[in-house]
Amino acid sequence: MDWRKKFVVWATLAAGLAGCQSPDYVGSIDASFFENNTYVHRVAATMETGQQVAAPFGYVGFCVRNPSECEGGTDAPQVAVITPEKWTELSKVNDYVNSAIPQVSDVALYDRDEWWAYPDARGGDCEDLAMMKRKLLIERGWAPENLLISVVREWNGDGHAVLLVTTDRGEFVLDNKNWAIVAWADAPYQWIKRQSRERPFIWVNLDRRTMRTAQIEVPPLGEPAPFLAVLQKKDKPALRPGIPDGQTASRSASKEKPTAAIN
């Protein structure tokens, strides 16, 4: 059995597990996906990005506690080239994180909203799972500039976070609420913002209602995120008053606005 047939068989099984209606269709990916032609079913378009926007405050807190996780970047991002093997790797990581990590809210884990962290044995919420998928894929050789934490809004107005993967066949969504990997345009969300491909600590606007074209000021490689530079000053302001260094999370009632860092 050649790899195209194997892919169709895999897609059929995955579709059944995900509850898809069509047995030869996984999200926006059909059997033509890896054919050697210019036709790719609803995948080719990439998402338009706009001006720089504020990073989610949960992400800022994560960077303060884990500055090395928010460093780096590139001045010449290249898209990932998708092969059947790479697609399988994406699927395995997505399925592993979704199935192995209990999905638990920040309030239940930390008594507060918007505490971004890599999940542990207790579990994690949507942004924690998205960050773990990113971490596992980077460990497997994927370039960080192609793995972008993204904030979206659900149909009911709730915030949510997913991992957006940029490839030569389009941009795909790794989501804890939908195990099928779909093109970004097929995900049932309003896109709000995501990480920049040039620097992980820069976030760009995806919301068409407020989007405008603007030159993104990208700091030189090696410079810390501006919010980290401020906190490294001698008279640095407290990120969150009442949270001592090293404490996992505040046990006091949160006044912050949830969720998935829409603000």
C-alpha atoms as a PDB file:
ATOM      1  CA  MET A   1       0.000   0.000   0.000  1.00  0.00           C
ATOM      2  CA  ASP A   2       1.578   3.330  -1.036  1.00  0.00           C
ATOM      3  CA  TRP A   3       1.570   6.380   1.225  1.00  0.00           C
ATOM      4  CA  ARG A   4      -1.410   8.052  -0.518  1.00  0.00           C
ATOM      5  CA  LYS A   5      -3.604   5.043   0.173  1.00  0.00           C
ATOM      6  CA  LYS A   6      -2.291   4.834   3.717  1.00  0.00           C
ATOM      7  CA  PHE A   7      -3.173   8.478   4.204  1.00  0.00           C
ATOM      8  CA  VAL A   8      -6.730   7.917   2.988  1.00  0.00           C
ATOM      9  CA  VAL A   9      -7.110   4.964   5.361  1.00  0.00           C
ATOM     10  CA  TRP A  10      -5.756   7.051   8.242  1.00  0.00           C
ATOM     11  CA  ALA A  11      -8.055   9.936   7.330  1.00  0.00           C
ATOM     12  CA  THR A  12     -11.050   7.618   7.281  1.00  0.00           C
ATOM     13  CA  LEU A  13     -10.272   6.307  10.763  1.00  0.00           C
ATOM     14  CA  ALA A  14      -9.583   9.779  12.123  1.00  0.00           C
ATOM     15  CA  ALA A  15     -12.814  11.095  10.648  1.00  0.00           C
ATOM     16  CA  GLY A  16     -14.759   8.347  12.351  1.00  0.00           C
ATOM     17  CA  LEU A  17     -13.132   9.057  15.684  1.00  0.00           C
ATOM     18  CA  ALA A  18     -13.769  12.772  15.319  1.00  0.00           C
ATOM     19  CA  GLY A  19     -17.399  12.274  14.364  1.00  0.00           C
ATOM     20  CA  CYS A  20     -17.009  13.711  10.851  1.00  0.00           C
ATOM     21  CA  GLN A  21     -19.874  13.110   8.468  1.00  0.00           C
ATOM     22  CA  SER A  22     -17.788  12.191   5.445  1.00  0.00           C
ATOM     23  CA  PRO A  23     -15.576   9.077   5.781  1.00  0.00           C
ATOM     24  CA  ASP A  24     -12.974  10.501   3.373  1.00  0.00           C
ATOM     25  CA  TYR A  25     -12.768  13.950   4.906  1.00  0.00           C
ATOM     26  CA  VAL A  26     -10.923  15.222   7.951  1.00  0.00           C
ATOM     27  CA  GLY A  27     -11.774  18.844   8.610  1.00  0.00           C
ATOM     28  CA  SER A  28     -10.683  20.679   5.458  1.00  0.00           C
ATOM     29  CA  ILE A  29      -8.294  17.918   4.344  1.00  0.00           C
ATOM     30  CA  ASP A  30      -9.363  15.418   1.715  1.00  0.00           C
ATOM     31  CA  ALA A  31      -7.541  12.786  -0.333  1.00  0.00           C
ATOM     32  CA  SER A  32      -6.273  15.410  -2.802  1.00  0.00           C
ATOM     33  CA  PHE A  33      -4.167  17.094  -0.132  1.00  0.00           C
ATOM     34  CA  PHE A  34      -0.895  15.386  -1.047  1.00  0.00           C
ATOM     35  CA  GLU A  35      -1.469  15.064  -4.775  1.00  0.00           C
ATOM     36  CA  ASN A  36       1.227  16.594  -7.001  1.00  0.00           C
ATOM     37  CA  ASN A  37      -0.924  19.339  -8.435  1.00  0.00           C
ATOM     38  CA  THR A  38      -1.857  22.898  -7.651  1.00  0.00           C
ATOM     39  CA  TYR A  39      -5.260  22.056  -6.217  1.00  0.00           C
ATOM     40  CA  VAL A  40      -5.511  21.918  -2.469  1.00  0.00           C
ATOM     41  CA  HIS A  41      -9.007  21.888  -1.031  1.00  0.00           C
ATOM     42  CA  ARG A  42      -9.623  25.151   0.855  1.00  0.00           C
ATOM     43  CA  VAL A  43      -6.100  25.265   2.230  1.00  0.00           C
ATOM     44  CA  ALA A  44      -3.949  27.564   0.104  1.00  0.00           C
ATOM     45  CA  ALA A  45      -5.002  30.944   1.529  1.00  0.00           C
ATOM     46  CA  THR A  46      -3.041  32.321   4.456  1.00  0.00           C
ATOM     47  CA  MET A  47      -4.462  34.523   7.169  1.00  0.00           C
ATOM     48  CA  GLU A  48      -4.138  38.285   6.868  1.00  0.00           C
ATOM     49  CA  THR A  49      -2.357  39.968   9.771  1.00  0.00           C
ATOM     50  CA  GLY A  50      -2.447  43.561  10.931  1.00  0.00           C
ATOM     51  CA  GLN A  51      -0.782  45.860  13.401  1.00  0.00           C
ATOM     52  CA  GLN A  52       1.025  44.907  16.578  1.00  0.00           C
ATOM     53  CA  VAL A  53      -1.265  44.488  19.569  1.00  0.00           C
ATOM     54  CA  ALA A  54      -0.763  43.878  23.262  1.00  0.00           C
ATOM     55  CA  ALA A  55       0.325  40.392  24.211  1.00  0.00           C
ATOM     56  CA  PRO A  56      -2.181  38.510  26.371  1.00  0.00           C
ATOM     57  CA  PHE A  57      -1.528  39.270  30.011  1.00  0.00           C
ATOM     58  CA  GLY A  58      -1.390  35.550  30.775  1.00  0.00           C
ATOM     59  CA  TYR A  59       1.372  35.182  28.192  1.00  0.00           C
ATOM     60  CA  VAL A  60       3.275  38.137  29.690  1.00  0.00           C
ATOM     61  CA  GLY A  61       3.139  36.473  33.092  1.00  0.00           C
ATOM     62  CA  PHE A  62       4.375  33.208  31.592  1.00  0.00           C
ATOM     63  CA  CYS A  63       7.320  35.018  29.991  1.00  0.00           C
ATOM     64  CA  VAL A  64       8.236  36.733  33.234  1.00  0.00           C
ATOM     65  CA  ARG A  65       8.386  33.370  34.966  1.00  0.00           C
ATOM     66  CA  ASN A  66       9.986  31.609  31.961  1.00  0.00           C
ATOM     67  CA  PRO A  67      11.942  34.238  29.969  1.00  0.00           C
ATOM     68  CA  SER A  68      13.884  31.672  27.937  1.00  0.00           C
ATOM     69  CA  GLU A  69      10.594  30.344  26.523  1.00  0.00           C
ATOM     70  CA  CYS A  70       9.837  33.746  24.980  1.00  0.00           C
ATOM     71  CA  GLU A  71      13.236  34.522  23.461  1.00  0.00           C
ATOM     72  CA  GLY A  72      14.565  34.072  19.956  1.00  0.00           C
ATOM     73  CA  GLY A  73      12.906  34.569  16.629  1.00  0.00           C
ATOM     74  CA  THR A  74      14.075  35.053  13.079  1.00  0.00           C
ATOM     75  CA  ASP A  75      14.359  37.860  10.549  1.00  0.00           C
ATOM     76  CA  ALA A  76      13.634  35.479   7.662  1.00  0.00           C
ATOM     77  CA  PRO A  77      10.852  33.040   8.597  1.00  0.00           C
ATOM     78  CA  GLN A  78      10.367  30.051   6.294  1.00  0.00           C
ATOM     79  CA  VAL A  79       7.208  27.978   6.118  1.00  0.00           C
ATOM     80  CA  ALA A  80       7.285  24.318   7.062  1.00  0.00           C
ATOM     81  CA  VAL A  81       7.163  21.902   4.139  1.00  0.00           C
ATOM     82  CA  ILE A  82       4.401  19.389   4.789  1.00  0.00           C
ATOM     83  CA  THR A  83       4.965  15.739   3.894  1.00  0.00           C
ATOM     84  CA  PRO A  84       2.850  12.724   4.845  1.00  0.00           C
ATOM     85  CA  GLU A  85       5.338  12.035   7.645  1.00  0.00           C
ATOM     86  CA  LYS A  86       5.137  15.617   8.933  1.00  0.00           C
ATOM     87  CA  TRP A  87       1.354  15.548   8.804  1.00  0.00           C
ATOM     88  CA  THR A  88       1.352  12.309  10.808  1.00  0.00           C
ATOM     89  CA  GLU A  89       3.664  13.931  13.358  1.00  0.00           C
ATOM     90  CA  LEU A  90       1.311  16.888  13.726  1.00  0.00           C
ATOM     91  CA  SER A  91      -1.615  14.537  14.222  1.00  0.00           C
ATOM     92  CA  LYS A  92       0.199  12.393  16.775  1.00  0.00           C
ATOM     93  CA  VAL A  93       1.252  15.367  18.890  1.00  0.00           C
ATOM     94  CA  ASN A  94      -2.230  16.881  18.707  1.00  0.00           C
ATOM     95  CA  ASP A  95      -3.906  13.596  19.659  1.00  0.00           C
ATOM     96  CA  TYR A  96      -1.396  12.847  22.420  1.00  0.00           C
ATOM     97  CA  VAL A  97      -1.821  16.179  24.186  1.00  0.00           C
ATOM     98  CA  ASN A  98      -5.608  16.155  23.807  1.00  0.00           C
ATOM     99  CA  SER A  99      -5.919  12.643  25.197  1.00  0.00           C
ATOM    100  CA  ALA A 100      -3.137  12.507  27.799  1.00  0.00           C
ATOM    101  CA  ILE A 101      -3.608  15.841  29.560  1.00  0.00           C
ATOM    102  CA  PRO A 102      -6.748  16.437  31.635  1.00  0.00           C
ATOM    103  CA  GLN A 103      -8.460  19.647  30.600  1.00  0.00           C
ATOM    104  CA  VAL A 104      -8.874  21.720  33.748  1.00  0.00           C
ATOM    105  CA  SER A 105      -9.546  25.442  34.133  1.00  0.00           C
ATOM    106  CA  ASP A 106      -7.114  27.891  35.681  1.00  0.00           C
ATOM    107  CA  VAL A 107      -9.654  28.650  38.382  1.00  0.00           C
ATOM    108  CA  ALA A 108      -9.763  25.001  39.409  1.00  0.00           C
ATOM    109  CA  LEU A 109      -5.968  24.650  39.320  1.00  0.00           C
ATOM    110  CA  TYR A 110      -4.791  28.021  40.609  1.00  0.00           C
ATOM    111  CA  ASP A 111      -7.817  29.848  41.982  1.00  0.00           C
ATOM    112  CA  ARG A 112      -7.417  32.549  39.352  1.00  0.00           C
ATOM    113  CA  ASP A 113      -8.006  33.220  35.668  1.00  0.00           C
ATOM    114  CA  GLU A 114      -5.363  33.430  32.952  1.00  0.00           C
ATOM    115  CA  TRP A 115      -2.401  31.686  34.542  1.00  0.00           C
ATOM    116  CA  TRP A 116      -0.490  30.388  31.517  1.00  0.00           C
ATOM    117  CA  ALA A 117       1.761  27.430  32.261  1.00  0.00           C
ATOM    118  CA  TYR A 118       2.880  24.131  30.811  1.00  0.00           C
ATOM    119  CA  PRO A 119       0.439  21.534  32.085  1.00  0.00           C
ATOM    120  CA  ASP A 120       1.509  19.009  34.684  1.00  0.00           C
ATOM    121  CA  ALA A 121      -0.123  15.786  35.893  1.00  0.00           C
ATOM    122  CA  ARG A 122      -3.109  17.779  37.131  1.00  0.00           C
ATOM    123  CA  GLY A 123      -3.859  19.056  33.631  1.00  0.00           C
ATOM    124  CA  GLY A 124      -4.267  22.464  32.038  1.00  0.00           C
ATOM    125  CA  ASP A 125      -6.614  24.617  30.009  1.00  0.00           C
ATOM    126  CA  CYS A 126      -6.656  25.584  26.321  1.00  0.00           C
ATOM    127  CA  GLU A 127      -3.605  27.841  26.220  1.00  0.00           C
ATOM    128  CA  ASP A 128      -1.605  25.394  28.350  1.00  0.00           C
ATOM    129  CA  LEU A 129      -2.356  22.581  25.909  1.00  0.00           C
ATOM    130  CA  ALA A 130      -1.531  24.801  22.925  1.00  0.00           C
ATOM    131  CA  MET A 131       1.826  25.709  24.486  1.00  0.00           C
ATOM    132  CA  MET A 132       2.582  22.050  25.186  1.00  0.00           C
ATOM    133  CA  LYS A 133       1.879  21.116  21.556  1.00  0.00           C
ATOM    134  CA  ARG A 134       4.219  23.889  20.460  1.00  0.00           C
ATOM    135  CA  LYS A 135       6.930  22.704  22.840  1.00  0.00           C
ATOM    136  CA  LEU A 136       6.685  19.066  21.723  1.00  0.00           C
ATOM    137  CA  LEU A 137       6.816  20.002  18.046  1.00  0.00           C
ATOM    138  CA  ILE A 138       9.848  22.252  18.575  1.00  0.00           C
ATOM    139  CA  GLU A 139      11.567  19.338  20.328  1.00  0.00           C
ATOM    140  CA  ARG A 140      10.879  17.308  17.190  1.00  0.00           C
ATOM    141  CA  GLY A 141      12.569  19.813  14.919  1.00  0.00           C
ATOM    142  CA  TRP A 142       9.734  22.128  13.893  1.00  0.00           C
ATOM    143  CA  ALA A 143      10.765  25.772  13.552  1.00  0.00           C
ATOM    144  CA  PRO A 144       9.226  27.981  16.259  1.00  0.00           C
ATOM    145  CA  GLU A 145       8.194  30.648  13.712  1.00  0.00           C
ATOM    146  CA  ASN A 146       5.715  28.149  12.258  1.00  0.00           C
ATOM    147  CA  LEU A 147       4.079  27.348  15.602  1.00  0.00           C
ATOM    148  CA  LEU A 148       2.003  30.301  16.744  1.00  0.00           C
ATOM    149  CA  ILE A 149      -0.173  30.514  19.838  1.00  0.00           C
ATOM    150  CA  SER A 150      -3.376  32.207  18.704  1.00  0.00           C
ATOM    151  CA  VAL A 151      -6.346  33.700  20.513  1.00  0.00           C
ATOM    152  CA  VAL A 152      -9.839  33.305  19.096  1.00  0.00           C
ATOM    153  CA  ARG A 153     -13.420  33.951  20.127  1.00  0.00           C
ATOM    154  CA  GLU A 154     -16.029  31.203  20.107  1.00  0.00           C
ATOM    155  CA  TRP A 155     -19.592  31.581  18.817  1.00  0.00           C
ATOM    156  CA  ASN A 156     -20.850  32.297  22.347  1.00  0.00           C
ATOM    157  CA  GLY A 157     -18.286  35.034  22.971  1.00  0.00           C
ATOM    158  CA  ASP A 158     -15.911  32.966  25.091  1.00  0.00           C
ATOM    159  CA  GLY A 159     -12.186  33.304  24.540  1.00  0.00           C
ATOM    160  CA  HIS A 160     -10.149  30.308  23.463  1.00  0.00           C
ATOM    161  CA  ALA A 161      -6.533  29.570  22.485  1.00  0.00           C
ATOM    162  CA  VAL A 162      -5.222  27.236  19.768  1.00  0.00           C
ATOM    163  CA  LEU A 163      -1.942  26.474  18.031  1.00  0.00           C
ATOM    164  CA  LEU A 164      -1.683  27.738  14.450  1.00  0.00           C
ATOM    165  CA  VAL A 165       0.815  25.875  12.242  1.00  0.00           C
ATOM    166  CA  THR A 166       2.149  27.674   9.156  1.00  0.00           C
ATOM    167  CA  THR A 167       3.055  25.397   6.240  1.00  0.00           C
ATOM    168  CA  ASP A 168       3.557  25.477   2.480  1.00  0.00           C
ATOM    169  CA  ARG A 169       0.007  24.106   2.132  1.00  0.00           C
ATOM    170  CA  GLY A 170      -1.626  26.718   4.340  1.00  0.00           C
ATOM    171  CA  GLU A 171      -2.174  27.386   8.028  1.00  0.00           C
ATOM    172  CA  PHE A 172      -3.689  24.688  10.211  1.00  0.00           C
ATOM    173  CA  VAL A 173      -5.288  24.638  13.633  1.00  0.00           C
ATOM    174  CA  LEU A 174      -4.337  22.285  16.464  1.00  0.00           C
ATOM    175  CA  ASP A 175      -7.232  22.543  18.875  1.00  0.00           C
ATOM    176  CA  ASN A 176      -8.216  20.779  22.083  1.00  0.00           C
ATOM    177  CA  LYS A 177     -11.893  21.206  21.176  1.00  0.00           C
ATOM    178  CA  ASN A 178     -11.629  19.605  17.742  1.00  0.00           C
ATOM    179  CA  TRP A 179      -9.237  16.707  17.256  1.00  0.00           C
ATOM    180  CA  ALA A 180      -9.428  16.999  13.475  1.00  0.00           C
ATOM    181  CA  ILE A 181      -6.710  19.329  12.185  1.00  0.00           C
ATOM    182  CA  VAL A 182      -8.393  21.902   9.936  1.00  0.00           C
ATOM    183  CA  ALA A 183      -7.387  24.901   7.867  1.00  0.00           C
ATOM    184  CA  TRP A 184      -7.719  28.165   9.788  1.00  0.00           C
ATOM    185  CA  ALA A 185     -10.648  29.312   7.632  1.00  0.00           C
ATOM    186  CA  ASP A 186     -12.579  26.143   8.527  1.00  0.00           C
ATOM    187  CA  ALA A 187     -12.219  26.585  12.279  1.00  0.00           C
ATOM    188  CA  PRO A 188     -15.487  27.881  13.810  1.00  0.00           C
ATOM    189  CA  TYR A 189     -13.882  30.902  15.448  1.00  0.00           C
ATOM    190  CA  GLN A 190     -13.426  34.636  15.152  1.00  0.00           C
ATOM    191  CA  TRP A 191      -9.676  35.201  15.001  1.00  0.00           C
ATOM    192  CA  ILE A 192      -8.388  37.855  17.421  1.00  0.00           C
ATOM    193  CA  LYS A 193      -4.569  37.812  17.568  1.00  0.00           C
ATOM    194  CA  ARG A 194      -1.521  35.597  17.409  1.00  0.00           C
ATOM    195  CA  GLN A 195       2.217  35.540  17.899  1.00  0.00           C
ATOM    196  CA  SER A 196       4.407  37.157  15.269  1.00  0.00           C
ATOM    197  CA  ARG A 197       6.525  34.827  13.176  1.00  0.00           C
ATOM    198  CA  GLU A 198       9.541  37.103  13.619  1.00  0.00           C
ATOM    199  CA  ARG A 199       9.518  37.330  17.437  1.00  0.00           C
ATOM    200  CA  PRO A 200       7.434  35.111  19.735  1.00  0.00           C
ATOM    201  CA  PHE A 201       6.819  37.928  22.230  1.00  0.00           C
ATOM    202  CA  ILE A 202       5.261  40.201  19.594  1.00  0.00           C
ATOM    203  CA  TRP A 203       1.565  39.685  18.908  1.00  0.00           C
ATOM    204  CA  VAL A 204      -0.305  40.840  15.800  1.00  0.00           C
ATOM    205  CA  ASN A 205      -3.930  41.629  15.114  1.00  0.00           C
ATOM    206  CA  LEU A 206      -6.153  39.124  13.292  1.00  0.00           C
ATOM    207  CA  ASP A 207      -9.500  40.817  13.952  1.00  0.00           C
ATOM    208  CA  ARG A 208     -10.757  42.260  10.662  1.00  0.00           C
ATOM    209  CA  ARG A 209     -13.001  44.720  12.500  1.00  0.00           C
ATOM    210  CA  THR A 210     -10.027  46.550  13.996  1.00  0.00           C
ATOM    211  CA  MET A 211      -7.249  45.551  11.623  1.00  0.00           C
ATOM    212  CA  ARG A 212      -5.058  48.180  10.018  1.00  0.00           C
ATOM    213  CA  THR A 213      -1.840  47.999   8.076  1.00  0.00           C
ATOM    214  CA  ALA A 214       1.142  49.125  10.084  1.00  0.00           C
ATOM    215  CA  GLN A 215       4.866  48.532  10.137  1.00  0.00           C
ATOM    216  CA  ILE A 216       5.755  46.182  12.965  1.00  0.00           C
ATOM    217  CA  GLU A 217       8.776  47.364  14.919  1.00  0.00           C
ATOM    218  CA  VAL A 218      10.834  44.228  15.454  1.00  0.00           C
ATOM    219  CA  PRO A 219      13.621  44.488  18.059  1.00  0.00           C
ATOM    220  CA  PRO A 220      17.044  43.163  17.043  1.00  0.00           C
ATOM    221  CA  LEU A 221      17.600  39.481  17.615  1.00  0.00           C
ATOM    222  CA  GLY A 222      18.810  38.787  21.123  1.00  0.00           C
ATOM    223  CA  GLU A 223      17.006  41.682  22.756  1.00  0.00           C
ATOM    224  CA  PRO A 224      14.462  40.728  25.423  1.00  0.00           C
ATOM    225  CA  ALA A 225      10.794  41.435  25.071  1.00  0.00           C
ATOM    226  CA  PRO A 226      10.043  45.085  25.932  1.00  0.00           C
ATOM    227  CA  PHE A 227       7.884  44.063  28.880  1.00  0.00           C
ATOM    228  CA  LEU A 228      10.736  41.917  30.208  1.00  0.00           C
ATOM    229  CA  ALA A 229      13.201  44.778  29.758  1.00  0.00           C
ATOM    230  CA  VAL A 230      10.972  46.981  31.899  1.00  0.00           C
ATOM    231  CA  LEU A 231      10.755  44.362  34.614  1.00  0.00           C
ATOM    232  CA  GLN A 232      14.539  43.919  34.620  1.00  0.00           C
ATOM    233  CA  LYS A 233      15.063  47.542  35.637  1.00  0.00           C
ATOM    234  CA  LYS A 234      16.145  48.276  39.192  1.00  0.00           C
ATOM    235  CA  ASP A 235      12.848  49.881  40.174  1.00  0.00           C
ATOM    236  CA  LYS A 236      10.731  47.396  38.304  1.00  0.00           C
ATOM    237  CA  PRO A 237       6.984  47.387  38.902  1.00  0.00           C
ATOM    238  CA  ALA A 238       5.383  44.294  40.346  1.00  0.00           C
ATOM    239  CA  LEU A 239       3.773  42.158  37.662  1.00  0.00           C
ATOM    240  CA  ARG A 240       1.013  41.075  39.963  1.00  0.00           C
ATOM    241  CA  PRO A 241       1.063  42.513  43.494  1.00  0.00           C
ATOM    242  CA  GLY A 242       0.668  39.874  46.141  1.00  0.00           C
ATOM    243  CA  ILE A 243       2.305  37.028  44.221  1.00  0.00           C
ATOM    244  CA  PRO A 244       5.715  36.346  45.771  1.00  0.00           C
ATOM    245  CA  ASP A 245       8.523  35.130  43.536  1.00  0.00           C
ATOM    246  CA  GLY A 246       8.376  31.377  43.142  1.00  0.00           C
ATOM    247  CA  GLN A 247       4.761  31.042  44.220  1.00  0.00           C
ATOM    248  CA  THR A 248       2.775  28.918  41.798  1.00  0.00           C
ATOM    249  CA  ALA A 249      -0.329  31.056  41.856  1.00  0.00           C
ATOM    250  CA  SER A 250      -2.334  33.397  43.983  1.00  0.00           C
ATOM    251  CA  ARG A 251      -4.969  31.885  46.196  1.00  0.00           C
ATOM    252  CA  SER A 252      -6.889  35.147  46.422  1.00  0.00           C
ATOM    253  CA  ALA A 253      -9.985  35.852  44.388  1.00  0.00           C
ATOM    254  CA  SER A 254      -9.158  37.041  40.893  1.00  0.00           C
ATOM    255  CA  LYS A 255     -10.458  40.333  39.544  1.00  0.00           C
ATOM    256  CA  GLU A 256      -9.038  39.668  36.112  1.00  0.00           C
ATOM    257  CA  LYS A 257     -11.205  39.161  33.113  1.00  0.00           C
ATOM    258  CA  PRO A 258     -11.155  35.672  31.620  1.00  0.00           C
ATOM    259  CA  THR A 259     -10.406  34.003  29.250  1.00  0.00           C
ATOM    260  CA  ALA A 260      -7.822  32.797  26.744  1.00  0.00           C
ATOM    261  CA  ALA A 261      -6.267  36.224  26.949  1.00  0.00           C
ATOM    262  CA  ILE A 262      -8.569  38.116  24.647  1.00  0.00           C
ATOM    263  CA  ASN A 263      -7.373  41.271  26.391  1.00  0.00           C
END
